[in-house]
Amino acid sequence: MARVIVDVMPKPEILDPQGKAVHGALPRLGFTAVTDVRQGKRFELEVPHVDDESLAEVHRIAETLLSNPVIEDFTVRVDA
């Protein structure tokens, strides 16, 4: 089995209230090195083997089910 990772993030122009909340909490907890936070989602999908066909299917899954293409971007990568 191979693992394919799909990372979904809000598009840069979309407000990210969850990321802003985390960013606002960091200084109160004593963390000062972080200048911005964006919160997203990570999906791990197991496939029998990685080839062009299985990666294309994962891409279609990410496009139709795992993300909202209007407000989110996603990346697909194979876990090493």
N, C-alpha and C. Protein backbone atom coordinates (compact mmCIF):
# COMPACT_ATOMS: atom_id res chain seq x y z
N MET A 1 0.84 -1.19 0.00
CA MET A 1 0.00 0.00 0.00
C MET A 1 0.88 1.25 0.00
N ALA A 2 0.41 2.25 -0.68
CA ALA A 2 1.09 3.55 -0.70
C ALA A 2 0.15 4.60 -0.11
N ARG A 3 0.73 5.62 0.45
CA ARG A 3 -0.06 6.69 1.06
C ARG A 3 0.10 7.95 0.23
N VAL A 4 -1.04 8.56 -0.09
CA VAL A 4 -1.06 9.83 -0.81
C VAL A 4 -1.65 10.87 0.12
N ILE A 5 -0.98 12.01 0.22
CA ILE A 5 -1.40 13.09 1.12
C ILE A 5 -2.05 14.20 0.30
N VAL A 6 -3.21 14.65 0.77
CA VAL A 6 -3.88 15.80 0.16
C VAL A 6 -3.94 16.89 1.23
N ASP A 7 -3.27 18.00 0.96
CA ASP A 7 -3.30 19.16 1.85
C ASP A 7 -4.24 20.19 1.25
N VAL A 8 -5.21 20.65 2.05
CA VAL A 8 -6.20 21.63 1.60
C VAL A 8 -6.02 22.89 2.44
N MET A 9 -5.87 24.02 1.77
CA MET A 9 -5.68 25.30 2.46
C MET A 9 -6.61 26.36 1.86
N PRO A 10 -7.04 27.31 2.69
CA PRO A 10 -7.82 28.42 2.13
C PRO A 10 -6.97 29.19 1.12
N LYS A 11 -7.59 29.67 0.07
CA LYS A 11 -6.87 30.49 -0.89
C LYS A 11 -6.36 31.74 -0.18
N PRO A 12 -5.23 32.31 -0.64
CA PRO A 12 -4.64 33.46 0.06
C PRO A 12 -5.60 34.64 0.25
N GLU A 13 -6.50 34.85 -0.69
CA GLU A 13 -7.40 36.00 -0.59
C GLU A 13 -8.62 35.74 0.31
N ILE A 14 -8.75 34.52 0.81
CA ILE A 14 -9.88 34.15 1.68
C ILE A 14 -9.49 34.37 3.13
N LEU A 15 -10.37 35.01 3.89
CA LEU A 15 -10.11 35.20 5.32
C LEU A 15 -10.05 33.84 6.01
N ASP A 16 -9.20 33.74 7.01
CA ASP A 16 -9.01 32.49 7.75
C ASP A 16 -9.19 32.78 9.24
N PRO A 17 -10.44 32.81 9.72
CA PRO A 17 -10.66 33.16 11.13
C PRO A 17 -10.02 32.18 12.11
N GLN A 18 -9.95 30.90 11.77
CA GLN A 18 -9.32 29.94 12.68
C GLN A 18 -7.82 30.20 12.78
N GLY A 19 -7.20 30.48 11.64
CA GLY A 19 -5.78 30.81 11.66
C GLY A 19 -5.51 32.08 12.44
N LYS A 20 -6.38 33.09 12.27
CA LYS A 20 -6.23 34.35 13.01
C LYS A 20 -6.38 34.12 14.51
N ALA A 21 -7.32 33.25 14.91
CA ALA A 21 -7.50 32.96 16.34
C ALA A 21 -6.25 32.30 16.93
N VAL A 22 -5.67 31.36 16.20
CA VAL A 22 -4.44 30.72 16.67
C VAL A 22 -3.33 31.75 16.75
N HIS A 23 -3.21 32.58 15.72
CA HIS A 23 -2.16 33.60 15.70
C HIS A 23 -2.32 34.56 16.88
N GLY A 24 -3.55 34.92 17.19
CA GLY A 24 -3.79 35.82 18.31
C GLY A 24 -3.47 35.19 19.66
N ALA A 25 -3.60 33.88 19.77
CA ALA A 25 -3.33 33.19 21.03
C ALA A 25 -1.84 32.98 21.28
N LEU A 26 -1.06 32.92 20.24
CA LEU A 26 0.37 32.60 20.40
C LEU A 26 1.10 33.57 21.33
N PRO A 27 0.99 34.89 21.14
CA PRO A 27 1.71 35.79 22.05
C PRO A 27 1.25 35.67 23.51
N ARG A 28 -0.03 35.40 23.71
CA ARG A 28 -0.53 35.23 25.07
C ARG A 28 0.08 34.00 25.75
N LEU A 29 0.52 33.05 24.93
CA LEU A 29 1.15 31.85 25.45
C LEU A 29 2.68 31.95 25.47
N GLY A 30 3.20 33.11 25.10
CA GLY A 30 4.64 33.33 25.14
C GLY A 30 5.38 33.01 23.86
N PHE A 31 4.66 32.72 22.78
CA PHE A 31 5.30 32.43 21.50
C PHE A 31 5.29 33.69 20.64
N THR A 32 6.47 34.17 20.25
CA THR A 32 6.54 35.46 19.55
C THR A 32 7.20 35.38 18.18
N ALA A 33 7.67 34.23 17.76
CA ALA A 33 8.42 34.12 16.51
C ALA A 33 7.53 33.98 15.28
N VAL A 34 6.25 33.70 15.45
CA VAL A 34 5.35 33.42 14.33
C VAL A 34 4.69 34.71 13.87
N THR A 35 4.73 34.98 12.56
CA THR A 35 4.16 36.21 12.03
C THR A 35 2.78 36.02 11.41
N ASP A 36 2.40 34.79 11.07
CA ASP A 36 1.07 34.53 10.51
C ASP A 36 0.75 33.05 10.64
N VAL A 37 -0.54 32.73 10.67
CA VAL A 37 -1.00 31.34 10.74
C VAL A 37 -2.14 31.17 9.76
N ARG A 38 -2.10 30.10 8.99
CA ARG A 38 -3.22 29.67 8.14
C ARG A 38 -3.54 28.25 8.54
N GLN A 39 -4.81 27.96 8.73
CA GLN A 39 -5.22 26.62 9.12
C GLN A 39 -5.86 25.91 7.95
N GLY A 40 -5.49 24.65 7.75
CA GLY A 40 -6.04 23.88 6.66
C GLY A 40 -6.41 22.47 7.11
N LYS A 41 -6.52 21.58 6.14
CA LYS A 41 -6.88 20.19 6.40
C LYS A 41 -5.87 19.29 5.71
N ARG A 42 -5.64 18.13 6.28
CA ARG A 42 -4.75 17.12 5.69
C ARG A 42 -5.51 15.81 5.63
N PHE A 43 -5.48 15.19 4.46
CA PHE A 43 -6.11 13.89 4.26
C PHE A 43 -5.04 12.90 3.84
N GLU A 44 -5.08 11.71 4.41
CA GLU A 44 -4.17 10.63 4.02
C GLU A 44 -5.00 9.53 3.37
N LEU A 45 -4.72 9.25 2.12
CA LEU A 45 -5.45 8.22 1.38
C LEU A 45 -4.48 7.08 1.04
N GLU A 46 -4.90 5.86 1.30
CA GLU A 46 -4.08 4.71 0.93
C GLU A 46 -4.56 4.16 -0.39
N VAL A 47 -3.61 3.89 -1.26
CA VAL A 47 -3.90 3.32 -2.58
C VAL A 47 -3.02 2.09 -2.76
N PRO A 48 -3.47 1.12 -3.57
CA PRO A 48 -2.68 -0.10 -3.76
C PRO A 48 -1.28 0.18 -4.31
N HIS A 49 -1.19 1.12 -5.24
CA HIS A 49 0.09 1.51 -5.81
C HIS A 49 -0.06 2.89 -6.43
N VAL A 50 1.05 3.58 -6.55
CA VAL A 50 1.03 4.94 -7.10
C VAL A 50 1.41 4.87 -8.57
N ASP A 51 0.49 5.34 -9.40
CA ASP A 51 0.76 5.50 -10.82
C ASP A 51 -0.06 6.70 -11.30
N ASP A 52 0.05 7.01 -12.57
CA ASP A 52 -0.66 8.18 -13.11
C ASP A 52 -2.17 8.07 -12.91
N GLU A 53 -2.70 6.87 -13.06
CA GLU A 53 -4.15 6.68 -12.93
C GLU A 53 -4.62 6.90 -11.49
N SER A 54 -3.91 6.33 -10.53
CA SER A 54 -4.34 6.49 -9.13
C SER A 54 -4.16 7.94 -8.67
N LEU A 55 -3.08 8.60 -9.10
CA LEU A 55 -2.90 10.01 -8.74
C LEU A 55 -3.96 10.90 -9.37
N ALA A 56 -4.36 10.58 -10.60
CA ALA A 56 -5.43 11.34 -11.25
C ALA A 56 -6.75 11.16 -10.50
N GLU A 57 -7.00 9.94 -10.02
CA GLU A 57 -8.22 9.71 -9.26
C GLU A 57 -8.20 10.46 -7.93
N VAL A 58 -7.08 10.44 -7.24
CA VAL A 58 -6.96 11.20 -5.98
C VAL A 58 -7.17 12.68 -6.25
N HIS A 59 -6.64 13.17 -7.35
CA HIS A 59 -6.83 14.57 -7.72
C HIS A 59 -8.32 14.88 -7.91
N ARG A 60 -9.04 13.99 -8.59
CA ARG A 60 -10.49 14.18 -8.77
C ARG A 60 -11.23 14.12 -7.44
N ILE A 61 -10.80 13.23 -6.54
CA ILE A 61 -11.41 13.15 -5.21
C ILE A 61 -11.20 14.46 -4.46
N ALA A 62 -9.99 14.97 -4.51
CA ALA A 62 -9.69 16.23 -3.82
C ALA A 62 -10.52 17.38 -4.38
N GLU A 63 -10.69 17.39 -5.68
CA GLU A 63 -11.43 18.45 -6.36
C GLU A 63 -12.93 18.40 -6.05
N THR A 64 -13.49 17.20 -5.93
CA THR A 64 -14.94 17.08 -5.82
C THR A 64 -15.44 16.85 -4.39
N LEU A 65 -14.60 16.30 -3.51
CA LEU A 65 -15.07 15.93 -2.17
C LEU A 65 -14.28 16.59 -1.04
N LEU A 66 -12.97 16.61 -1.16
CA LEU A 66 -12.14 17.05 -0.04
C LEU A 66 -11.95 18.55 0.06
N SER A 67 -12.18 19.26 -1.03
CA SER A 67 -11.98 20.71 -1.01
C SER A 67 -13.15 21.42 -1.68
N ASN A 68 -13.23 22.70 -1.41
CA ASN A 68 -14.16 23.58 -2.10
C ASN A 68 -13.32 24.45 -3.02
N PRO A 69 -13.26 24.14 -4.32
CA PRO A 69 -12.35 24.84 -5.23
C PRO A 69 -12.59 26.35 -5.33
N VAL A 70 -13.74 26.82 -4.89
CA VAL A 70 -14.02 28.25 -4.94
C VAL A 70 -13.18 28.99 -3.90
N ILE A 71 -12.98 28.38 -2.72
CA ILE A 71 -12.28 29.08 -1.64
C ILE A 71 -11.02 28.37 -1.15
N GLU A 72 -10.74 27.18 -1.68
CA GLU A 72 -9.58 26.40 -1.19
C GLU A 72 -8.71 25.93 -2.35
N ASP A 73 -7.42 25.84 -2.06
CA ASP A 73 -6.45 25.21 -2.95
C ASP A 73 -6.04 23.89 -2.31
N PHE A 74 -5.57 22.95 -3.12
CA PHE A 74 -5.08 21.70 -2.57
C PHE A 74 -3.84 21.24 -3.32
N THR A 75 -3.05 20.43 -2.63
CA THR A 75 -1.89 19.79 -3.23
C THR A 75 -2.00 18.30 -2.97
N VAL A 76 -1.50 17.52 -3.92
CA VAL A 76 -1.47 16.06 -3.80
C VAL A 76 -0.01 15.65 -3.85
N ARG A 77 0.39 14.83 -2.88
CA ARG A 77 1.78 14.34 -2.88
C ARG A 77 1.83 12.93 -2.34
N VAL A 78 2.84 12.21 -2.73
CA VAL A 78 3.02 10.82 -2.28
C VAL A 78 3.88 10.86 -1.04
N ASP A 79 3.44 10.17 0.01
CA ASP A 79 4.21 10.09 1.25
C ASP A 79 5.40 9.18 1.03
N ALA A 80 6.56 9.65 1.39
CA ALA A 80 7.79 8.89 1.14
C ALA A 80 7.95 7.73 2.08
